[in-house]
């Protein structure tokens, strides 16, 4: 099983620049789907506490049910 990064590398290695540009253009319709980062941050404040650490931003889960699972479904692969 390969990672998303490995699959992405293979995609760029095995496709022409024209094909990549075409695929990118087709994905533009999804640019307006979902939340903006500002909306995501606002909604996330109800579940996570955002803390500014020395070298990164940390998220502390306020609800243990929402913590990341120990495994992944690999549905993007």
Protein backbone atom coordinates (compact mmCIF):
# COMPACT_ATOMS: atom_id res chain seq x y z
CA UNK A 1 0.00 0.00 0.00
CA UNK A 2 1.45 3.36 -0.96
CA UNK A 3 1.03 6.72 0.71
CA UNK A 4 -0.74 9.74 -0.75
CA UNK A 5 2.65 11.40 -1.21
CA UNK A 6 3.99 8.40 -3.14
CA UNK A 7 0.89 8.37 -5.34
CA UNK A 8 1.25 12.08 -5.99
CA UNK A 9 4.90 11.67 -6.98
CA UNK A 10 3.94 8.89 -9.39
CA UNK A 11 1.20 11.04 -10.89
CA UNK A 12 3.65 13.84 -11.68
CA UNK A 13 6.27 11.42 -13.00
CA UNK A 14 3.85 9.59 -15.29
CA UNK A 15 1.83 12.48 -16.76
CA UNK A 16 2.72 15.23 -19.19
CA UNK A 17 2.57 18.89 -18.23
CA UNK A 18 -0.43 19.29 -20.55
CA UNK A 19 -2.32 16.47 -18.81
CA UNK A 20 -1.52 17.92 -15.38
CA UNK A 21 -2.73 21.36 -16.49
CA UNK A 22 -5.92 19.82 -17.90
CA UNK A 23 -6.58 17.89 -14.68
CA UNK A 24 -5.90 21.01 -12.61
CA UNK A 25 -8.36 23.05 -14.71
CA UNK A 26 -11.03 20.39 -14.21
CA UNK A 27 -10.58 20.58 -10.44
CA UNK A 28 -11.28 24.34 -10.28
CA UNK A 29 -14.99 23.66 -9.83
CA UNK A 30 -14.15 22.31 -6.37
CA UNK A 31 -12.42 25.53 -5.25
CA UNK A 32 -15.70 26.88 -3.88
CA UNK A 33 -16.71 23.68 -2.05
CA UNK A 34 -16.49 23.57 1.72
CA UNK A 35 -15.40 26.00 4.35
CA UNK A 36 -12.85 28.76 4.11
CA UNK A 37 -9.98 28.49 6.57
CA UNK A 38 -11.52 31.30 8.61
CA UNK A 39 -14.84 29.44 8.86
CA UNK A 40 -13.05 26.22 9.78
CA UNK A 41 -11.08 27.94 12.54
CA UNK A 42 -14.24 29.59 13.90
CA UNK A 43 -16.21 26.33 13.95
CA UNK A 44 -13.28 24.34 15.33
CA UNK A 45 -13.00 26.54 18.41
CA UNK A 46 -16.00 24.68 19.85
CA UNK A 47 -14.07 21.39 19.76
CA UNK A 48 -10.39 22.36 19.90
CA UNK A 49 -8.32 24.83 21.85
CA UNK A 50 -5.73 26.50 19.62
CA UNK A 51 -2.42 27.29 21.31
CA UNK A 52 0.56 29.13 19.89
CA UNK A 53 3.66 27.10 20.77
CA UNK A 54 7.22 28.26 20.24
CA UNK A 55 7.58 26.86 16.74
CA UNK A 56 4.10 25.64 15.75
CA UNK A 57 0.39 25.90 16.41
CA UNK A 58 -0.98 23.18 18.66
CA UNK A 59 -4.53 21.88 18.79
CA UNK A 60 -5.78 20.44 22.06
CA UNK A 61 -8.95 18.43 21.68
CA UNK A 62 -11.66 19.48 24.13
CA UNK A 63 -13.70 16.36 23.36
CA UNK A 64 -11.80 13.04 23.49
CA UNK A 65 -14.35 11.42 21.15
CA UNK A 66 -13.10 13.69 18.34
CA UNK A 67 -9.42 12.74 18.65
CA UNK A 68 -7.78 11.25 15.56
CA UNK A 69 -8.12 7.50 15.26
CA UNK A 70 -5.03 5.34 15.71
CA UNK A 71 -5.49 4.01 12.17
CA UNK A 72 -6.62 5.34 8.80
CA UNK A 73 -9.13 4.04 6.29
CA UNK A 74 -6.82 4.88 3.35
CA UNK A 75 -9.86 5.86 1.31
CA UNK A 76 -7.84 8.46 -0.63
CA UNK A 77 -5.39 5.92 -1.97
